[in-house]
């Protein structure tokens, strides 16, 4: 592979800043609607994808301290977005599950995120859409 030029790096950095801004707007809409911070949203997304996970699972995935994750879980329980319960198989463990309200928040966040993706793709013609998707997939699978 060839080494990218400083100009190419700068152009990519500017484009990613714009992408990030667009996705942050979608995230902010979900945050405002549910009065959640970014960590709480990411925790909800993980718990939604991993029912019956525990606090340590979420903390490891989000790469935060267990105490930080515990505070987030407390907020989500108070807002009736997740529940804590003890599984029958291991009464010493505490499992986390998402509630209906939490599922609605996740759906709102995902809808906003998908709308941002749609808007980006709509800016391209069909051939460019296909190429953009191919390239972003290639980048996402790249391993140093």
N, C-alpha and C. Protein backbone atom coordinates (compact mmCIF):
# COMPACT_ATOMS: atom_id res chain seq x y z
N UNK A 1 0.83 -1.19 0.00
CA UNK A 1 0.00 0.00 0.00
C UNK A 1 0.87 1.24 0.00
N UNK A 2 0.39 2.27 -0.66
CA UNK A 2 1.16 3.51 -0.72
C UNK A 2 0.86 4.38 0.49
N UNK A 3 1.82 5.17 0.82
CA UNK A 3 1.69 6.07 1.97
C UNK A 3 0.82 7.27 1.58
N UNK A 4 -0.20 7.61 2.39
CA UNK A 4 -1.03 8.76 2.05
C UNK A 4 -0.26 10.07 2.21
N UNK A 5 -0.63 11.05 1.40
CA UNK A 5 0.03 12.36 1.46
C UNK A 5 -0.58 13.17 2.61
N UNK A 6 0.13 14.19 3.08
CA UNK A 6 -0.44 15.05 4.12
C UNK A 6 -1.75 15.69 3.68
N UNK A 7 -1.87 16.04 2.40
CA UNK A 7 -3.11 16.64 1.90
C UNK A 7 -4.27 15.65 1.98
N UNK A 8 -4.02 14.40 1.63
CA UNK A 8 -5.06 13.38 1.70
C UNK A 8 -5.49 13.16 3.16
N UNK A 9 -4.52 13.14 4.04
CA UNK A 9 -4.83 12.96 5.46
C UNK A 9 -5.68 14.10 5.97
N UNK A 10 -5.34 15.32 5.56
CA UNK A 10 -6.10 16.51 5.98
C UNK A 10 -7.52 16.46 5.45
N UNK A 11 -7.69 16.09 4.18
CA UNK A 11 -9.03 15.99 3.59
C UNK A 11 -9.87 14.94 4.33
N UNK A 12 -9.26 13.80 4.65
CA UNK A 12 -9.97 12.75 5.38
C UNK A 12 -10.34 13.21 6.78
N UNK A 13 -9.42 13.89 7.44
CA UNK A 13 -9.69 14.39 8.79
C UNK A 13 -10.88 15.35 8.79
N UNK A 14 -10.93 16.23 7.81
CA UNK A 14 -12.05 17.18 7.72
C UNK A 14 -13.36 16.45 7.44
N UNK A 15 -13.33 15.47 6.53
CA UNK A 15 -14.54 14.70 6.22
C UNK A 15 -15.02 13.94 7.45
N UNK A 16 -14.10 13.32 8.19
CA UNK A 16 -14.51 12.58 9.39
C UNK A 16 -15.05 13.50 10.48
N UNK A 17 -14.49 14.70 10.58
CA UNK A 17 -15.03 15.67 11.54
C UNK A 17 -16.49 15.98 11.19
N UNK A 18 -16.76 16.13 9.91
CA UNK A 18 -18.13 16.41 9.47
C UNK A 18 -19.04 15.21 9.72
N UNK A 19 -18.55 14.00 9.41
CA UNK A 19 -19.34 12.79 9.69
C UNK A 19 -19.66 12.71 11.17
N UNK A 20 -18.63 12.92 11.99
CA UNK A 20 -18.80 12.82 13.43
C UNK A 20 -19.81 13.83 13.93
N UNK A 21 -19.74 15.04 13.41
CA UNK A 21 -20.69 16.08 13.79
C UNK A 21 -22.12 15.65 13.45
N UNK A 22 -22.31 15.08 12.28
CA UNK A 22 -23.64 14.64 11.85
C UNK A 22 -24.17 13.54 12.79
N UNK A 23 -23.31 12.60 13.14
CA UNK A 23 -23.74 11.53 14.04
C UNK A 23 -23.96 12.04 15.45
N UNK A 24 -23.18 13.02 15.86
CA UNK A 24 -23.39 13.60 17.19
C UNK A 24 -24.72 14.32 17.28
N UNK A 25 -25.17 14.90 16.19
CA UNK A 25 -26.48 15.56 16.17
C UNK A 25 -27.57 14.51 16.38
N UNK A 26 -27.45 13.37 15.71
CA UNK A 26 -28.43 12.28 15.90
C UNK A 26 -28.39 11.78 17.34
N UNK A 27 -27.18 11.64 17.88
CA UNK A 27 -27.05 11.19 19.26
C UNK A 27 -27.62 12.22 20.22
N UNK A 28 -27.37 13.49 19.94
CA UNK A 28 -27.87 14.55 20.82
C UNK A 28 -29.39 14.56 20.86
N UNK A 29 -30.04 14.26 19.74
CA UNK A 29 -31.51 14.21 19.72
C UNK A 29 -32.01 13.12 20.66
N UNK A 30 -31.36 11.96 20.64
CA UNK A 30 -31.75 10.88 21.55
C UNK A 30 -31.46 11.26 23.00
N UNK A 31 -30.33 11.93 23.20
CA UNK A 31 -29.95 12.36 24.54
C UNK A 31 -30.99 13.35 25.09
N UNK A 32 -31.33 14.33 24.27
CA UNK A 32 -32.28 15.36 24.71
C UNK A 32 -33.64 14.76 25.02
N UNK A 33 -34.07 13.85 24.16
CA UNK A 33 -35.39 13.25 24.33
C UNK A 33 -35.48 12.44 25.61
N UNK A 34 -34.38 11.78 25.98
CA UNK A 34 -34.40 10.89 27.14
C UNK A 34 -33.53 11.37 28.30
N UNK A 35 -32.93 12.54 28.18
CA UNK A 35 -32.05 13.09 29.22
C UNK A 35 -30.95 12.09 29.61
N UNK A 36 -30.30 11.54 28.59
CA UNK A 36 -29.22 10.58 28.80
C UNK A 36 -27.90 11.15 28.31
N UNK A 37 -26.82 10.72 28.92
CA UNK A 37 -25.52 11.11 28.40
C UNK A 37 -25.02 10.02 27.45
N UNK A 38 -23.90 10.29 26.78
CA UNK A 38 -23.40 9.37 25.76
C UNK A 38 -23.07 7.99 26.34
N UNK A 39 -22.51 7.95 27.55
CA UNK A 39 -22.20 6.66 28.18
C UNK A 39 -23.46 5.85 28.43
N UNK A 40 -24.50 6.51 28.92
CA UNK A 40 -25.75 5.80 29.20
C UNK A 40 -26.36 5.24 27.92
N UNK A 41 -26.28 5.99 26.83
CA UNK A 41 -26.79 5.49 25.55
C UNK A 41 -25.99 4.27 25.10
N UNK A 42 -24.68 4.36 25.19
CA UNK A 42 -23.85 3.22 24.78
C UNK A 42 -24.10 2.00 25.66
N UNK A 43 -24.32 2.23 26.94
CA UNK A 43 -24.65 1.12 27.84
C UNK A 43 -25.97 0.49 27.44
N UNK A 44 -26.97 1.31 27.15
CA UNK A 44 -28.28 0.79 26.72
C UNK A 44 -28.15 -0.04 25.45
N UNK A 45 -27.36 0.45 24.49
CA UNK A 45 -27.17 -0.29 23.24
C UNK A 45 -26.55 -1.66 23.52
N UNK A 46 -25.56 -1.71 24.41
CA UNK A 46 -24.91 -2.98 24.72
C UNK A 46 -25.87 -3.92 25.44
N UNK A 47 -26.58 -3.41 26.43
CA UNK A 47 -27.51 -4.25 27.20
C UNK A 47 -28.63 -4.76 26.30
N UNK A 48 -29.08 -3.93 25.37
CA UNK A 48 -30.10 -4.35 24.41
C UNK A 48 -29.59 -5.51 23.55
N UNK A 49 -28.32 -5.44 23.14
CA UNK A 49 -27.73 -6.50 22.32
C UNK A 49 -27.30 -7.72 23.12
N UNK A 50 -27.15 -7.56 24.43
CA UNK A 50 -26.65 -8.65 25.29
C UNK A 50 -27.53 -8.80 26.54
N UNK A 51 -28.77 -9.27 26.35
CA UNK A 51 -29.66 -9.43 27.52
C UNK A 51 -29.02 -10.35 28.56
N UNK A 52 -29.26 -10.03 29.80
CA UNK A 52 -28.74 -10.81 30.93
C UNK A 52 -27.25 -10.62 31.16
N UNK A 53 -26.64 -9.60 30.52
CA UNK A 53 -25.23 -9.33 30.78
C UNK A 53 -25.10 -8.76 32.20
N UNK A 54 -23.87 -8.68 32.67
CA UNK A 54 -23.66 -8.08 33.99
C UNK A 54 -22.89 -6.77 33.85
N UNK A 55 -22.76 -6.08 34.93
CA UNK A 55 -22.12 -4.77 34.95
C UNK A 55 -20.69 -4.83 34.42
N UNK A 56 -19.97 -5.86 34.79
CA UNK A 56 -18.59 -6.02 34.32
C UNK A 56 -18.51 -6.18 32.82
N UNK A 57 -19.47 -6.91 32.23
CA UNK A 57 -19.50 -7.08 30.77
C UNK A 57 -19.62 -5.73 30.08
N UNK A 58 -20.53 -4.89 30.58
CA UNK A 58 -20.77 -3.59 29.98
C UNK A 58 -19.54 -2.70 30.17
N UNK A 59 -18.98 -2.69 31.36
CA UNK A 59 -17.80 -1.87 31.64
C UNK A 59 -16.62 -2.26 30.75
N UNK A 60 -16.39 -3.56 30.59
CA UNK A 60 -15.29 -4.01 29.72
C UNK A 60 -15.53 -3.58 28.28
N UNK A 61 -16.75 -3.76 27.80
CA UNK A 61 -17.06 -3.40 26.42
C UNK A 61 -16.86 -1.90 26.18
N UNK A 62 -17.31 -1.08 27.11
CA UNK A 62 -17.21 0.37 26.96
C UNK A 62 -15.88 0.93 27.44
N UNK A 63 -15.05 0.05 28.01
CA UNK A 63 -13.73 0.41 28.51
C UNK A 63 -13.79 1.54 29.52
N UNK A 64 -14.65 1.34 30.53
CA UNK A 64 -14.77 2.28 31.63
C UNK A 64 -14.60 1.53 32.94
N UNK A 65 -14.32 2.26 33.99
CA UNK A 65 -14.18 1.65 35.31
C UNK A 65 -15.52 1.10 35.77
N UNK A 66 -15.46 0.06 36.58
CA UNK A 66 -16.68 -0.56 37.10
C UNK A 66 -17.50 0.44 37.90
N UNK A 67 -16.85 1.33 38.64
CA UNK A 67 -17.59 2.33 39.42
C UNK A 67 -18.34 3.31 38.50
N UNK A 68 -17.71 3.66 37.39
CA UNK A 68 -18.36 4.54 36.41
C UNK A 68 -19.58 3.84 35.82
N UNK A 69 -19.42 2.56 35.50
CA UNK A 69 -20.53 1.80 34.92
C UNK A 69 -21.64 1.61 35.94
N UNK A 70 -21.28 1.45 37.19
CA UNK A 70 -22.27 1.30 38.25
C UNK A 70 -23.12 2.56 38.38
N UNK A 71 -22.46 3.72 38.28
CA UNK A 71 -23.21 4.98 38.33
C UNK A 71 -24.16 5.11 37.14
N UNK A 72 -23.69 4.70 35.97
CA UNK A 72 -24.53 4.74 34.78
C UNK A 72 -25.74 3.81 34.95
N UNK A 73 -25.48 2.61 35.44
CA UNK A 73 -26.58 1.64 35.66
C UNK A 73 -27.58 2.19 36.68
N UNK A 74 -27.09 2.83 37.72
CA UNK A 74 -27.99 3.45 38.70
C UNK A 74 -28.91 4.47 38.04
N UNK A 75 -28.33 5.30 37.17
CA UNK A 75 -29.14 6.31 36.47
C UNK A 75 -30.18 5.64 35.58
N UNK A 76 -29.77 4.60 34.87
CA UNK A 76 -30.69 3.91 33.95
C UNK A 76 -31.80 3.19 34.71
N UNK A 77 -31.49 2.64 35.87
CA UNK A 77 -32.51 1.99 36.70
C UNK A 77 -33.50 3.05 37.21
N UNK A 78 -32.99 4.18 37.69
CA UNK A 78 -33.86 5.25 38.18
C UNK A 78 -34.79 5.78 37.07
N UNK A 79 -34.30 5.76 35.86
CA UNK A 79 -35.11 6.24 34.72
C UNK A 79 -35.97 5.13 34.10
N UNK A 80 -35.97 3.97 34.76
CA UNK A 80 -36.76 2.82 34.32
C UNK A 80 -36.38 2.37 32.91
N UNK A 81 -35.07 2.41 32.60
CA UNK A 81 -34.62 1.98 31.27
C UNK A 81 -33.97 0.61 31.31
N UNK A 82 -33.46 0.22 32.47
CA UNK A 82 -32.95 -1.15 32.66
C UNK A 82 -33.43 -1.65 34.01
N UNK A 83 -33.35 -2.97 34.16
CA UNK A 83 -33.65 -3.61 35.45
C UNK A 83 -32.47 -4.48 35.84
N UNK A 84 -32.27 -4.57 37.14
CA UNK A 84 -31.28 -5.50 37.70
C UNK A 84 -32.05 -6.65 38.32
N UNK A 85 -31.55 -7.86 38.12
CA UNK A 85 -32.14 -9.00 38.81
C UNK A 85 -31.10 -10.11 38.96
N UNK A 86 -31.36 -10.99 39.89
CA UNK A 86 -30.44 -12.10 40.15
C UNK A 86 -30.90 -13.33 39.37
N UNK A 87 -30.04 -13.85 38.49
CA UNK A 87 -30.40 -15.05 37.74
C UNK A 87 -30.49 -16.27 38.66
N UNK A 88 -31.39 -17.17 38.34
CA UNK A 88 -31.56 -18.39 39.15
C UNK A 88 -30.29 -19.23 39.15
N UNK A 89 -29.58 -19.26 38.03
CA UNK A 89 -28.39 -20.10 37.92
C UNK A 89 -27.24 -19.63 38.79
N UNK A 90 -27.16 -18.35 39.09
CA UNK A 90 -26.08 -17.80 39.91
C UNK A 90 -26.64 -16.64 40.73
N UNK A 91 -27.07 -16.92 41.93
CA UNK A 91 -27.72 -15.92 42.78
C UNK A 91 -26.76 -14.83 43.25
N UNK A 92 -25.44 -15.04 43.09
CA UNK A 92 -24.49 -14.00 43.49
C UNK A 92 -24.29 -12.95 42.40
N UNK A 93 -24.69 -13.28 41.19
CA UNK A 93 -24.53 -12.37 40.05
C UNK A 93 -25.74 -11.46 39.92
N UNK A 94 -25.57 -10.35 39.24
CA UNK A 94 -26.67 -9.44 38.94
C UNK A 94 -26.72 -9.26 37.43
N UNK A 95 -27.84 -9.63 36.84
CA UNK A 95 -28.02 -9.50 35.39
C UNK A 95 -28.75 -8.21 35.07
N UNK A 96 -28.45 -7.65 33.92
CA UNK A 96 -29.08 -6.41 33.46
C UNK A 96 -29.96 -6.71 32.25
N UNK A 97 -31.16 -6.18 32.27
CA UNK A 97 -32.05 -6.32 31.12
C UNK A 97 -32.67 -4.96 30.82
N UNK A 98 -32.98 -4.76 29.57
CA UNK A 98 -33.56 -3.50 29.14
C UNK A 98 -35.08 -3.54 29.34
N UNK A 99 -35.66 -2.42 29.67
CA UNK A 99 -37.11 -2.31 29.85
C UNK A 99 -37.74 -1.80 28.55
N UNK A 100 -39.06 -1.73 28.52
CA UNK A 100 -39.73 -1.17 27.34
C UNK A 100 -39.28 0.26 27.09
N UNK A 101 -39.20 1.04 28.16
CA UNK A 101 -38.76 2.44 28.02
C UNK A 101 -37.33 2.50 27.47
N UNK A 102 -36.47 1.62 27.94
CA UNK A 102 -35.10 1.56 27.44
C UNK A 102 -35.05 1.14 25.98
N UNK A 103 -35.90 0.19 25.61
CA UNK A 103 -35.97 -0.24 24.20
C UNK A 103 -36.43 0.90 23.30
N UNK A 104 -37.35 1.71 23.79
CA UNK A 104 -37.81 2.86 23.01
C UNK A 104 -36.68 3.87 22.81
N UNK A 105 -35.89 4.08 23.85
CA UNK A 105 -34.75 5.01 23.74
C UNK A 105 -33.74 4.48 22.73
N UNK A 106 -33.47 3.18 22.77
CA UNK A 106 -32.54 2.56 21.82
C UNK A 106 -33.07 2.73 20.40
N UNK A 107 -34.36 2.45 20.20
CA UNK A 107 -34.96 2.58 18.87
C UNK A 107 -34.85 4.01 18.35
N UNK A 108 -35.08 4.99 19.22
CA UNK A 108 -34.96 6.39 18.82
C UNK A 108 -33.55 6.74 18.42
N UNK A 109 -32.58 6.25 19.19
CA UNK A 109 -31.18 6.51 18.88
C UNK A 109 -30.81 5.86 17.54
N UNK A 110 -31.17 4.61 17.36
CA UNK A 110 -30.84 3.88 16.13
C UNK A 110 -31.51 4.54 14.93
N UNK A 111 -32.76 4.97 15.08
CA UNK A 111 -33.45 5.65 13.98
C UNK A 111 -32.71 6.93 13.58
N UNK A 112 -32.26 7.71 14.55
CA UNK A 112 -31.51 8.92 14.27
C UNK A 112 -30.19 8.62 13.58
N UNK A 113 -29.51 7.59 14.03
CA UNK A 113 -28.24 7.18 13.45
C UNK A 113 -28.44 6.75 12.00
N UNK A 114 -29.48 5.93 11.76
CA UNK A 114 -29.78 5.46 10.41
C UNK A 114 -30.17 6.63 9.49
N UNK A 115 -30.88 7.61 10.03
CA UNK A 115 -31.26 8.78 9.24
C UNK A 115 -30.01 9.54 8.80
N UNK A 116 -29.00 9.63 9.67
CA UNK A 116 -27.75 10.28 9.31
C UNK A 116 -27.04 9.50 8.20
N UNK A 117 -27.04 8.18 8.31
CA UNK A 117 -26.42 7.34 7.27
C UNK A 117 -27.15 7.53 5.94
N UNK A 118 -28.46 7.54 6.00
CA UNK A 118 -29.26 7.73 4.79
C UNK A 118 -28.94 9.07 4.14
N UNK A 119 -28.85 10.12 4.94
CA UNK A 119 -28.55 11.45 4.40
C UNK A 119 -27.19 11.46 3.71
N UNK A 120 -26.20 10.78 4.29
CA UNK A 120 -24.89 10.73 3.66
C UNK A 120 -24.94 10.00 2.33
N UNK A 121 -25.65 8.88 2.29
CA UNK A 121 -25.73 8.12 1.05
C UNK A 121 -26.54 8.85 -0.01
N UNK A 122 -27.55 9.60 0.41
CA UNK A 122 -28.36 10.34 -0.56
C UNK A 122 -27.56 11.43 -1.27
N UNK A 123 -26.46 11.84 -0.69
CA UNK A 123 -25.62 12.87 -1.31
C UNK A 123 -24.81 12.29 -2.49
N UNK A 124 -24.86 10.97 -2.64
CA UNK A 124 -24.06 10.30 -3.68
C UNK A 124 -24.97 9.68 -4.74
N UNK A 125 -24.42 9.55 -5.96
CA UNK A 125 -25.19 8.82 -6.97
C UNK A 125 -25.02 7.31 -6.68
N UNK A 126 -25.84 6.45 -7.30
CA UNK A 126 -25.81 5.02 -6.98
C UNK A 126 -24.44 4.35 -7.12
N UNK A 127 -23.69 4.72 -8.14
CA UNK A 127 -22.35 4.13 -8.33
C UNK A 127 -21.43 4.54 -7.17
N UNK A 128 -21.48 5.82 -6.80
CA UNK A 128 -20.66 6.30 -5.70
C UNK A 128 -21.11 5.70 -4.36
N UNK A 129 -22.39 5.49 -4.19
CA UNK A 129 -22.89 4.84 -2.97
C UNK A 129 -22.25 3.47 -2.82
N UNK A 130 -22.28 2.69 -3.90
CA UNK A 130 -21.71 1.34 -3.87
C UNK A 130 -20.22 1.39 -3.55
N UNK A 131 -19.51 2.31 -4.18
CA UNK A 131 -18.07 2.43 -3.95
C UNK A 131 -17.78 2.91 -2.52
N UNK A 132 -18.54 3.88 -2.05
CA UNK A 132 -18.37 4.38 -0.68
C UNK A 132 -18.58 3.26 0.33
N UNK A 133 -19.62 2.48 0.13
CA UNK A 133 -19.89 1.37 1.05
C UNK A 133 -18.78 0.32 0.99
N UNK A 134 -18.29 0.03 -0.20
CA UNK A 134 -17.21 -0.94 -0.35
C UNK A 134 -15.96 -0.45 0.39
N UNK A 135 -15.63 0.83 0.20
CA UNK A 135 -14.43 1.37 0.83
C UNK A 135 -14.56 1.46 2.35
N UNK A 136 -15.71 1.91 2.84
CA UNK A 136 -15.86 2.00 4.30
C UNK A 136 -15.85 0.62 4.94
N UNK A 137 -16.41 -0.37 4.25
CA UNK A 137 -16.36 -1.75 4.76
C UNK A 137 -14.92 -2.24 4.81
N UNK A 138 -14.16 -1.94 3.76
CA UNK A 138 -12.75 -2.33 3.70
C UNK A 138 -11.97 -1.70 4.86
N UNK A 139 -12.22 -0.42 5.10
CA UNK A 139 -11.53 0.27 6.19
C UNK A 139 -11.93 -0.33 7.54
N UNK A 140 -13.22 -0.63 7.70
CA UNK A 140 -13.68 -1.15 8.99
C UNK A 140 -13.10 -2.52 9.30
N UNK A 141 -12.69 -3.25 8.25
CA UNK A 141 -12.14 -4.60 8.45
C UNK A 141 -10.62 -4.60 8.47
N UNK A 142 -10.00 -3.43 8.25
CA UNK A 142 -8.54 -3.33 8.20
C UNK A 142 -7.96 -3.56 9.59
N UNK A 143 -6.94 -4.37 9.64
CA UNK A 143 -6.27 -4.66 10.91
C UNK A 143 -4.78 -4.31 10.75
N UNK A 144 -4.30 -3.38 11.59
CA UNK A 144 -2.89 -2.97 11.49
C UNK A 144 -1.98 -4.16 11.55
